Amino acid sequence: MTASLRATGAWLARRAENVASAMLAAMFLAFLLQIAFRYVLGLPIGWTHEVSVILWIWLVLWGASFVVSEREEIRFDIIYGSVGSGTRRIMAIVTAVALIALYAISFPAVLDYITFMKVEKTGYLKIRFDWLFSIYIVFIIATIIRYIWLAWQAMRGVAPDDFDPTKASSGV
């Protein structure tokens, strides 16, 4: 991989983190606004709850698509950490093939359902559900691409990182 391609990838990764941070900040502000209106002013408003839920859905799927790295994903570390690099490669290939197949098989039905949901809108903001759930299509495509890459790497002989429980952290 060329240095300019790596630099571009790193720049895009930082922008994806910026988008996730902006969504989290907006969700937090909507939450504070909801508390202020309900408990300070005595005027409950519903659109803030709707914004919080929408942003949460988008934040989780955006983060899983573009922010969370392979190293930060949840695994069965007891099993994964106790096997050698060859077995980890096999586990990575089997996992990748299974996930690619499952997402690819489900994709037409997901696409059909999301396009069907254009008839429904949210209660307060009147956002069409097909727009709201469109992030799931992005998530599926990004996940398929990620696992194709991981399977390719494993088939080329690059074993996934060995898990070291002494270096486990919350990702910070």
N, C-alpha and C. Protein backbone atom coordinates (compact mmCIF):
# COMPACT_ATOMS: atom_id res chain seq x y z
N MET A 1 0.85 -1.17 0.00
CA MET A 1 0.00 0.00 0.00
C MET A 1 0.90 1.24 0.00
N THR A 2 0.56 2.19 -0.83
CA THR A 2 1.40 3.38 -0.94
C THR A 2 1.20 4.31 0.26
N ALA A 3 2.19 5.16 0.44
CA ALA A 3 2.13 6.10 1.57
C ALA A 3 0.98 7.09 1.42
N SER A 4 0.71 7.52 0.19
CA SER A 4 -0.39 8.48 0.00
C SER A 4 -1.75 7.82 0.25
N LEU A 5 -1.87 6.54 -0.11
CA LEU A 5 -3.11 5.82 0.16
C LEU A 5 -3.33 5.64 1.66
N ARG A 6 -2.26 5.32 2.38
CA ARG A 6 -2.35 5.20 3.84
C ARG A 6 -2.72 6.54 4.48
N ALA A 7 -2.11 7.62 3.99
CA ALA A 7 -2.40 8.95 4.52
C ALA A 7 -3.86 9.32 4.27
N THR A 8 -4.34 9.01 3.08
CA THR A 8 -5.74 9.29 2.76
C THR A 8 -6.67 8.46 3.65
N GLY A 9 -6.34 7.19 3.85
CA GLY A 9 -7.13 6.33 4.73
C GLY A 9 -7.16 6.85 6.16
N ALA A 10 -6.01 7.29 6.65
CA ALA A 10 -5.93 7.84 8.01
C ALA A 10 -6.75 9.13 8.12
N TRP A 11 -6.70 9.96 7.09
CA TRP A 11 -7.48 11.20 7.08
C TRP A 11 -8.97 10.88 7.10
N LEU A 12 -9.39 9.92 6.27
CA LEU A 12 -10.81 9.52 6.24
C LEU A 12 -11.24 8.92 7.58
N ALA A 13 -10.37 8.15 8.21
CA ALA A 13 -10.69 7.57 9.52
C ALA A 13 -10.91 8.66 10.56
N ARG A 14 -10.06 9.70 10.52
CA ARG A 14 -10.25 10.81 11.46
C ARG A 14 -11.55 11.56 11.18
N ARG A 15 -11.92 11.71 9.92
CA ARG A 15 -13.18 12.38 9.60
C ARG A 15 -14.38 11.54 10.06
N ALA A 16 -14.27 10.22 9.93
CA ALA A 16 -15.34 9.35 10.42
C ALA A 16 -15.49 9.49 11.93
N GLU A 17 -14.37 9.60 12.64
CA GLU A 17 -14.42 9.84 14.09
C GLU A 17 -15.03 11.20 14.40
N ASN A 18 -14.73 12.21 13.57
CA ASN A 18 -15.32 13.54 13.75
C ASN A 18 -16.83 13.49 13.60
N VAL A 19 -17.30 12.76 12.60
CA VAL A 19 -18.75 12.62 12.39
C VAL A 19 -19.39 11.93 13.59
N ALA A 20 -18.76 10.86 14.07
CA ALA A 20 -19.29 10.15 15.24
C ALA A 20 -19.30 11.06 16.46
N SER A 21 -18.26 11.85 16.64
CA SER A 21 -18.21 12.78 17.77
C SER A 21 -19.31 13.84 17.67
N ALA A 22 -19.54 14.33 16.46
CA ALA A 22 -20.60 15.33 16.26
C ALA A 22 -21.97 14.74 16.57
N MET A 23 -22.19 13.49 16.15
CA MET A 23 -23.48 12.84 16.46
C MET A 23 -23.64 12.66 17.96
N LEU A 24 -22.58 12.26 18.65
CA LEU A 24 -22.65 12.08 20.09
C LEU A 24 -22.91 13.40 20.79
N ALA A 25 -22.26 14.46 20.35
CA ALA A 25 -22.48 15.79 20.94
C ALA A 25 -23.91 16.26 20.70
N ALA A 26 -24.42 16.06 19.50
CA ALA A 26 -25.80 16.47 19.20
C ALA A 26 -26.80 15.67 20.02
N MET A 27 -26.53 14.37 20.19
CA MET A 27 -27.41 13.54 21.00
C MET A 27 -27.40 14.01 22.46
N PHE A 28 -26.23 14.34 22.97
CA PHE A 28 -26.11 14.82 24.35
C PHE A 28 -26.84 16.16 24.52
N LEU A 29 -26.70 17.05 23.56
CA LEU A 29 -27.40 18.35 23.63
C LEU A 29 -28.91 18.17 23.59
N ALA A 30 -29.38 17.25 22.74
CA ALA A 30 -30.82 16.98 22.69
C ALA A 30 -31.30 16.41 24.02
N PHE A 31 -30.50 15.55 24.62
CA PHE A 31 -30.83 14.98 25.92
C PHE A 31 -30.91 16.07 26.99
N LEU A 32 -29.93 16.97 27.02
CA LEU A 32 -29.95 18.07 27.98
C LEU A 32 -31.16 18.99 27.76
N LEU A 33 -31.46 19.26 26.50
CA LEU A 33 -32.61 20.09 26.18
C LEU A 33 -33.91 19.44 26.65
N GLN A 34 -33.98 18.13 26.46
CA GLN A 34 -35.16 17.39 26.90
C GLN A 34 -35.33 17.49 28.43
N ILE A 35 -34.24 17.34 29.16
CA ILE A 35 -34.29 17.44 30.62
C ILE A 35 -34.70 18.85 31.04
N ALA A 36 -34.10 19.85 30.41
CA ALA A 36 -34.40 21.25 30.77
C ALA A 36 -35.88 21.57 30.52
N PHE A 37 -36.39 21.18 29.38
CA PHE A 37 -37.79 21.48 29.08
C PHE A 37 -38.74 20.70 29.99
N ARG A 38 -38.43 19.44 30.26
CA ARG A 38 -39.34 18.63 31.07
C ARG A 38 -39.33 19.03 32.54
N TYR A 39 -38.13 19.17 33.12
CA TYR A 39 -38.04 19.33 34.57
C TYR A 39 -37.84 20.77 35.04
N VAL A 40 -37.28 21.61 34.20
CA VAL A 40 -37.09 23.00 34.59
C VAL A 40 -38.27 23.86 34.16
N LEU A 41 -38.68 23.69 32.91
CA LEU A 41 -39.78 24.50 32.38
C LEU A 41 -41.15 23.84 32.51
N GLY A 42 -41.15 22.54 32.78
CA GLY A 42 -42.41 21.82 32.90
C GLY A 42 -43.13 21.67 31.57
N LEU A 43 -42.39 21.71 30.48
CA LEU A 43 -42.96 21.57 29.14
C LEU A 43 -42.31 20.39 28.42
N PRO A 44 -42.84 19.20 28.60
CA PRO A 44 -42.21 18.04 27.94
C PRO A 44 -42.31 18.17 26.42
N ILE A 45 -41.19 17.88 25.75
CA ILE A 45 -41.17 17.91 24.30
C ILE A 45 -40.73 16.54 23.80
N GLY A 46 -41.31 16.08 22.72
CA GLY A 46 -41.03 14.73 22.24
C GLY A 46 -39.97 14.66 21.17
N TRP A 47 -39.77 15.73 20.44
CA TRP A 47 -38.82 15.65 19.33
C TRP A 47 -37.40 15.42 19.79
N THR A 48 -37.06 15.84 21.00
CA THR A 48 -35.70 15.62 21.50
C THR A 48 -35.43 14.14 21.73
N HIS A 49 -36.46 13.42 22.20
CA HIS A 49 -36.31 11.98 22.37
C HIS A 49 -36.12 11.31 21.00
N GLU A 50 -36.88 11.76 20.04
CA GLU A 50 -36.78 11.21 18.68
C GLU A 50 -35.39 11.47 18.09
N VAL A 51 -34.88 12.67 18.27
CA VAL A 51 -33.53 13.00 17.79
C VAL A 51 -32.50 12.12 18.48
N SER A 52 -32.63 11.92 19.78
CA SER A 52 -31.68 11.08 20.52
C SER A 52 -31.68 9.64 20.00
N VAL A 53 -32.85 9.09 19.76
CA VAL A 53 -32.95 7.72 19.28
C VAL A 53 -32.36 7.59 17.87
N ILE A 54 -32.71 8.54 17.00
CA ILE A 54 -32.18 8.51 15.63
C ILE A 54 -30.66 8.63 15.64
N LEU A 55 -30.15 9.55 16.42
CA LEU A 55 -28.70 9.73 16.49
C LEU A 55 -28.01 8.50 17.09
N TRP A 56 -28.66 7.85 18.04
CA TRP A 56 -28.08 6.65 18.62
C TRP A 56 -27.97 5.55 17.57
N ILE A 57 -29.02 5.34 16.81
CA ILE A 57 -28.99 4.33 15.74
C ILE A 57 -27.87 4.64 14.75
N TRP A 58 -27.82 5.88 14.31
CA TRP A 58 -26.80 6.28 13.35
C TRP A 58 -25.41 6.19 13.95
N LEU A 59 -25.25 6.59 15.20
CA LEU A 59 -23.94 6.56 15.85
C LEU A 59 -23.40 5.14 15.96
N VAL A 60 -24.24 4.22 16.37
CA VAL A 60 -23.80 2.83 16.54
C VAL A 60 -23.41 2.22 15.19
N LEU A 61 -24.26 2.39 14.18
CA LEU A 61 -23.97 1.78 12.89
C LEU A 61 -22.84 2.50 12.15
N TRP A 62 -22.76 3.81 12.27
CA TRP A 62 -21.65 4.57 11.68
C TRP A 62 -20.33 4.15 12.33
N GLY A 63 -20.35 4.07 13.66
CA GLY A 63 -19.14 3.68 14.37
C GLY A 63 -18.69 2.27 14.01
N ALA A 64 -19.64 1.35 13.93
CA ALA A 64 -19.30 -0.03 13.56
C ALA A 64 -18.79 -0.11 12.12
N SER A 65 -19.27 0.78 11.27
CA SER A 65 -18.86 0.77 9.87
C SER A 65 -17.48 1.39 9.65
N PHE A 66 -17.21 2.51 10.31
CA PHE A 66 -16.05 3.31 9.94
C PHE A 66 -15.09 3.66 11.08
N VAL A 67 -15.49 3.49 12.33
CA VAL A 67 -14.64 3.95 13.43
C VAL A 67 -13.99 2.79 14.18
N VAL A 68 -14.74 1.78 14.53
CA VAL A 68 -14.22 0.66 15.32
C VAL A 68 -13.30 -0.18 14.44
N SER A 69 -12.09 -0.41 14.91
CA SER A 69 -11.13 -1.21 14.14
C SER A 69 -11.30 -2.69 14.47
N GLU A 70 -10.67 -3.52 13.67
CA GLU A 70 -10.72 -4.96 13.89
C GLU A 70 -10.21 -5.33 15.27
N ARG A 71 -9.18 -4.66 15.72
CA ARG A 71 -8.58 -4.92 17.03
C ARG A 71 -9.55 -4.62 18.17
N GLU A 72 -10.49 -3.70 17.95
CA GLU A 72 -11.41 -3.28 19.01
C GLU A 72 -12.72 -4.07 19.03
N GLU A 73 -12.88 -5.00 18.08
CA GLU A 73 -14.11 -5.77 18.04
C GLU A 73 -14.14 -6.80 19.17
N ILE A 74 -15.32 -7.20 19.55
CA ILE A 74 -15.51 -8.16 20.64
C ILE A 74 -15.27 -9.57 20.11
N ARG A 75 -14.52 -10.35 20.86
CA ARG A 75 -14.22 -11.73 20.49
C ARG A 75 -14.36 -12.62 21.72
N PHE A 76 -14.36 -13.93 21.45
CA PHE A 76 -14.25 -14.90 22.54
C PHE A 76 -12.76 -15.05 22.83
N ASP A 77 -12.24 -14.12 23.63
CA ASP A 77 -10.79 -14.01 23.82
C ASP A 77 -10.15 -15.23 24.47
N ILE A 78 -10.89 -15.96 25.26
CA ILE A 78 -10.31 -17.12 25.92
C ILE A 78 -9.92 -18.16 24.87
N ILE A 79 -10.80 -18.40 23.93
CA ILE A 79 -10.51 -19.36 22.86
C ILE A 79 -9.51 -18.76 21.88
N TYR A 80 -9.77 -17.54 21.45
CA TYR A 80 -8.96 -16.88 20.44
C TYR A 80 -7.52 -16.68 20.89
N GLY A 81 -7.34 -16.33 22.14
CA GLY A 81 -6.00 -16.10 22.65
C GLY A 81 -5.21 -17.35 22.94
N SER A 82 -5.89 -18.49 23.01
CA SER A 82 -5.19 -19.72 23.37
C SER A 82 -4.72 -20.53 22.16
N VAL A 83 -5.01 -20.05 20.95
CA VAL A 83 -4.62 -20.80 19.76
C VAL A 83 -3.47 -20.09 19.04
N GLY A 84 -2.82 -20.82 18.18
CA GLY A 84 -1.69 -20.27 17.43
C GLY A 84 -2.15 -19.41 16.25
N SER A 85 -1.17 -18.84 15.56
CA SER A 85 -1.49 -17.92 14.46
C SER A 85 -2.18 -18.62 13.30
N GLY A 86 -1.81 -19.86 13.01
CA GLY A 86 -2.47 -20.60 11.93
C GLY A 86 -3.95 -20.83 12.21
N THR A 87 -4.25 -21.21 13.44
CA THR A 87 -5.65 -21.43 13.84
C THR A 87 -6.41 -20.10 13.84
N ARG A 88 -5.75 -19.02 14.27
CA ARG A 88 -6.40 -17.70 14.22
C ARG A 88 -6.72 -17.31 12.79
N ARG A 89 -5.83 -17.64 11.85
CA ARG A 89 -6.10 -17.35 10.44
C ARG A 89 -7.31 -18.12 9.95
N ILE A 90 -7.40 -19.40 10.31
CA ILE A 90 -8.54 -20.22 9.92
C ILE A 90 -9.82 -19.67 10.54
N MET A 91 -9.76 -19.31 11.82
CA MET A 91 -10.93 -18.73 12.48
C MET A 91 -11.35 -17.43 11.78
N ALA A 92 -10.38 -16.61 11.39
CA ALA A 92 -10.68 -15.36 10.70
C ALA A 92 -11.35 -15.62 9.36
N ILE A 93 -10.86 -16.61 8.62
CA ILE A 93 -11.45 -16.94 7.31
C ILE A 93 -12.86 -17.47 7.47
N VAL A 94 -13.06 -18.41 8.40
CA VAL A 94 -14.40 -18.98 8.62
C VAL A 94 -15.38 -17.89 9.05
N THR A 95 -14.96 -17.05 9.97
CA THR A 95 -15.81 -15.95 10.43
C THR A 95 -16.14 -15.01 9.29
N ALA A 96 -15.14 -14.64 8.51
CA ALA A 96 -15.34 -13.70 7.40
C ALA A 96 -16.29 -14.29 6.37
N VAL A 97 -16.08 -15.54 5.99
CA VAL A 97 -16.95 -16.16 4.98
C VAL A 97 -18.38 -16.24 5.49
N ALA A 98 -18.55 -16.62 6.75
CA ALA A 98 -19.90 -16.72 7.32
C ALA A 98 -20.59 -15.35 7.34
N LEU A 99 -19.88 -14.33 7.80
CA LEU A 99 -20.51 -13.00 7.87
C LEU A 99 -20.78 -12.42 6.48
N ILE A 100 -19.85 -12.60 5.56
CA ILE A 100 -20.07 -12.12 4.19
C ILE A 100 -21.29 -12.81 3.60
N ALA A 101 -21.39 -14.12 3.77
CA ALA A 101 -22.53 -14.86 3.23
C ALA A 101 -23.85 -14.40 3.87
N LEU A 102 -23.86 -14.28 5.19
CA LEU A 102 -25.09 -13.88 5.87
C LEU A 102 -25.55 -12.47 5.47
N TYR A 103 -24.61 -11.53 5.43
CA TYR A 103 -24.98 -10.17 5.04
C TYR A 103 -25.37 -10.11 3.57
N ALA A 104 -24.67 -10.84 2.71
CA ALA A 104 -25.00 -10.83 1.28
C ALA A 104 -26.37 -11.46 1.03
N ILE A 105 -26.67 -12.56 1.72
CA ILE A 105 -27.97 -13.21 1.56
C ILE A 105 -29.09 -12.31 2.06
N SER A 106 -28.85 -11.60 3.16
CA SER A 106 -29.90 -10.76 3.73
C SER A 106 -30.05 -9.41 3.02
N PHE A 107 -29.05 -9.02 2.24
CA PHE A 107 -29.05 -7.68 1.65
C PHE A 107 -30.28 -7.38 0.79
N PRO A 108 -30.71 -8.26 -0.12
CA PRO A 108 -31.90 -7.93 -0.92
C PRO A 108 -33.15 -7.70 -0.07
N ALA A 109 -33.34 -8.52 0.96
CA ALA A 109 -34.50 -8.35 1.83
C ALA A 109 -34.40 -7.06 2.63
N VAL A 110 -33.21 -6.74 3.11
CA VAL A 110 -33.00 -5.50 3.85
C VAL A 110 -33.27 -4.29 2.95
N LEU A 111 -32.74 -4.33 1.74
CA LEU A 111 -32.96 -3.24 0.79
C LEU A 111 -34.44 -3.08 0.46
N ASP A 112 -35.13 -4.20 0.27
CA ASP A 112 -36.56 -4.17 -0.01
C ASP A 112 -37.33 -3.57 1.17
N TYR A 113 -36.99 -3.99 2.38
CA TYR A 113 -37.69 -3.47 3.56
C TYR A 113 -37.44 -1.97 3.74
N ILE A 114 -36.19 -1.56 3.59
CA ILE A 114 -35.88 -0.14 3.78
C ILE A 114 -36.58 0.72 2.74
N THR A 115 -36.58 0.28 1.48
CA THR A 115 -37.28 1.07 0.45
C THR A 115 -38.79 1.05 0.68
N PHE A 116 -39.32 -0.04 1.23
CA PHE A 116 -40.75 -0.09 1.56
C PHE A 116 -41.10 0.92 2.66
N MET A 117 -40.18 1.15 3.58
CA MET A 117 -40.46 2.01 4.72
C MET A 117 -40.59 3.49 4.36
N LYS A 118 -40.49 3.84 3.08
CA LYS A 118 -40.69 5.23 2.68
C LYS A 118 -42.12 5.69 2.95
N VAL A 119 -43.01 4.75 3.19
CA VAL A 119 -44.41 5.11 3.46
C VAL A 119 -44.62 5.57 4.90
N GLU A 120 -43.67 5.29 5.78
CA GLU A 120 -43.79 5.65 7.20
C GLU A 120 -42.88 6.83 7.52
N LYS A 121 -43.31 7.64 8.50
CA LYS A 121 -42.51 8.77 8.96
C LYS A 121 -42.46 8.76 10.48
N THR A 122 -41.44 9.40 11.02
CA THR A 122 -41.33 9.48 12.48
C THR A 122 -42.44 10.39 13.01
N GLY A 123 -42.73 10.24 14.30
CA GLY A 123 -43.86 10.92 14.90
C GLY A 123 -43.74 12.44 14.97
N TYR A 124 -42.61 12.95 15.35
CA TYR A 124 -42.46 14.39 15.57
C TYR A 124 -41.82 15.12 14.40
N LEU A 125 -40.70 14.60 13.93
CA LEU A 125 -39.94 15.31 12.90
C LEU A 125 -40.35 14.94 11.48
N LYS A 126 -41.20 13.93 11.35
CA LYS A 126 -41.71 13.49 10.05
C LYS A 126 -40.59 13.10 9.09
N ILE A 127 -39.54 12.44 9.62
CA ILE A 127 -38.45 11.93 8.80
C ILE A 127 -38.89 10.57 8.27
N ARG A 128 -38.75 10.39 6.96
CA ARG A 128 -39.13 9.10 6.37
C ARG A 128 -38.23 8.00 6.93
N PHE A 129 -38.84 6.85 7.21
CA PHE A 129 -38.08 5.75 7.79
C PHE A 129 -37.05 5.17 6.82
N ASP A 130 -37.27 5.30 5.52
CA ASP A 130 -36.24 4.80 4.60
C ASP A 130 -34.97 5.63 4.73
N TRP A 131 -35.10 6.94 4.98
CA TRP A 131 -33.92 7.78 5.21
C TRP A 131 -33.27 7.44 6.55
N LEU A 132 -34.10 7.23 7.54
CA LEU A 132 -33.59 6.92 8.87
C LEU A 132 -32.83 5.60 8.88
N PHE A 133 -33.34 4.58 8.21
CA PHE A 133 -32.72 3.25 8.23
C PHE A 133 -31.68 3.07 7.12
N SER A 134 -31.45 4.06 6.29
CA SER A 134 -30.48 3.93 5.21
C SER A 134 -29.07 3.68 5.73
N ILE A 135 -28.78 4.07 6.93
CA ILE A 135 -27.46 3.82 7.51
C ILE A 135 -27.18 2.32 7.63
N TYR A 136 -28.22 1.51 7.72
CA TYR A 136 -28.01 0.07 7.81
C TYR A 136 -27.45 -0.49 6.50
N ILE A 137 -27.85 0.09 5.38
CA ILE A 137 -27.29 -0.33 4.08
C ILE A 137 -25.80 0.02 4.04
N VAL A 138 -25.45 1.20 4.51
CA VAL A 138 -24.04 1.60 4.58
C VAL A 138 -23.28 0.62 5.47
N PHE A 139 -23.87 0.27 6.60
CA PHE A 139 -23.25 -0.66 7.54
C PHE A 139 -23.00 -2.02 6.89
N ILE A 140 -24.00 -2.56 6.19
CA ILE A 140 -23.84 -3.87 5.55
C ILE A 140 -22.73 -3.83 4.50
N ILE A 141 -22.73 -2.81 3.67
CA ILE A 141 -21.71 -2.72 2.61
C ILE A 141 -20.32 -2.57 3.22
N ALA A 142 -20.18 -1.71 4.22
CA ALA A 142 -18.88 -1.52 4.88
C ALA A 142 -18.42 -2.79 5.56
N THR A 143 -19.32 -3.51 6.18
CA THR A 143 -18.96 -4.75 6.87
C THR A 143 -18.53 -5.83 5.88
N ILE A 144 -19.24 -5.95 4.77
CA ILE A 144 -18.86 -6.93 3.75
C ILE A 144 -17.47 -6.60 3.21
N ILE A 145 -17.22 -5.33 2.92
CA ILE A 145 -15.90 -4.93 2.41
C ILE A 145 -14.82 -5.21 3.45
N ARG A 146 -15.09 -4.90 4.70
CA ARG A 146 -14.11 -5.14 5.78
C ARG A 146 -13.77 -6.62 5.87
N TYR A 147 -14.78 -7.49 5.84
CA TYR A 147 -14.51 -8.91 6.01
C TYR A 147 -13.93 -9.55 4.76
N ILE A 148 -14.20 -8.99 3.59
CA ILE A 148 -13.48 -9.45 2.39
C ILE A 148 -12.00 -9.15 2.56
N TRP A 149 -11.69 -7.96 3.04
CA TRP A 149 -10.29 -7.58 3.26
C TRP A 149 -9.63 -8.47 4.32
N LEU A 150 -10.33 -8.72 5.41
CA LEU A 150 -9.77 -9.55 6.48
C LEU A 150 -9.55 -10.99 6.01
N ALA A 151 -10.50 -11.52 5.23
CA ALA A 151 -10.34 -12.88 4.69
C ALA A 151 -9.17 -12.92 3.72
N TRP A 152 -9.04 -11.92 2.89
CA TRP A 152 -7.93 -11.85 1.94
C TRP A 152 -6.60 -11.81 2.69
N GLN A 153 -6.53 -11.00 3.72
CA GLN A 153 -5.31 -10.92 4.51
C GLN A 153 -4.98 -12.28 5.15
N ALA A 154 -5.98 -12.94 5.70
CA ALA A 154 -5.76 -14.24 6.35
C ALA A 154 -5.34 -15.30 5.32
N MET A 155 -5.91 -15.25 4.12
CA MET A 155 -5.53 -16.22 3.09
C MET A 155 -4.11 -15.96 2.58
N ARG A 156 -3.67 -14.73 2.66
CA ARG A 156 -2.30 -14.38 2.24
C ARG A 156 -1.28 -14.75 3.32
N GLY A 157 -1.75 -15.20 4.48
CA GLY A 157 -0.83 -15.62 5.53
C GLY A 157 -0.66 -14.63 6.66
N VAL A 158 -1.41 -13.54 6.63
CA VAL A 158 -1.33 -12.54 7.70
C VAL A 158 -2.33 -12.95 8.79
N ALA A 159 -1.82 -13.39 9.91
CA ALA A 159 -2.69 -13.80 11.02
C ALA A 159 -3.20 -12.58 11.76
N PRO A 160 -4.44 -12.64 12.22
CA PRO A 160 -4.94 -11.55 13.07
C PRO A 160 -4.07 -11.41 14.32
N ASP A 161 -4.08 -10.24 14.89
CA ASP A 161 -3.26 -9.98 16.07
C ASP A 161 -3.56 -10.96 17.18
N ASP A 162 -2.51 -11.37 17.86
CA ASP A 162 -2.65 -12.23 19.04
C ASP A 162 -3.22 -11.39 20.17
N PHE A 163 -4.14 -11.96 20.92
CA PHE A 163 -4.73 -11.24 22.04
C PHE A 163 -3.83 -11.37 23.26
N ASP A 164 -3.49 -10.24 23.84
CA ASP A 164 -2.70 -10.22 25.05
C ASP A 164 -3.56 -9.64 26.16
N PRO A 165 -4.03 -10.47 27.11
CA PRO A 165 -4.94 -9.98 28.15
C PRO A 165 -4.32 -8.93 29.05
N THR A 166 -2.99 -8.87 29.09
CA THR A 166 -2.36 -7.85 29.94
C THR A 166 -2.43 -6.46 29.32
N LYS A 167 -2.78 -6.41 28.03
CA LYS A 167 -2.89 -5.13 27.33
C LYS A 167 -4.33 -4.78 26.99
N ALA A 168 -5.27 -5.48 27.57
CA ALA A 168 -6.68 -5.23 27.31
C ALA A 168 -7.06 -3.87 27.85
N SER A 169 -7.87 -3.15 27.09
CA SER A 169 -8.29 -1.82 27.54
C SER A 169 -9.68 -1.54 26.99
N SER A 170 -10.16 -0.36 27.30
CA SER A 170 -11.47 0.06 26.82
C SER A 170 -11.37 0.72 25.47
N GLY A 171 -10.20 0.71 24.83
CA GLY A 171 -10.02 1.32 23.54
C GLY A 171 -9.47 2.73 23.61
N VAL A 172 -9.23 3.20 24.81
CA VAL A 172 -8.73 4.56 24.97
C VAL A 172 -7.22 4.57 24.95
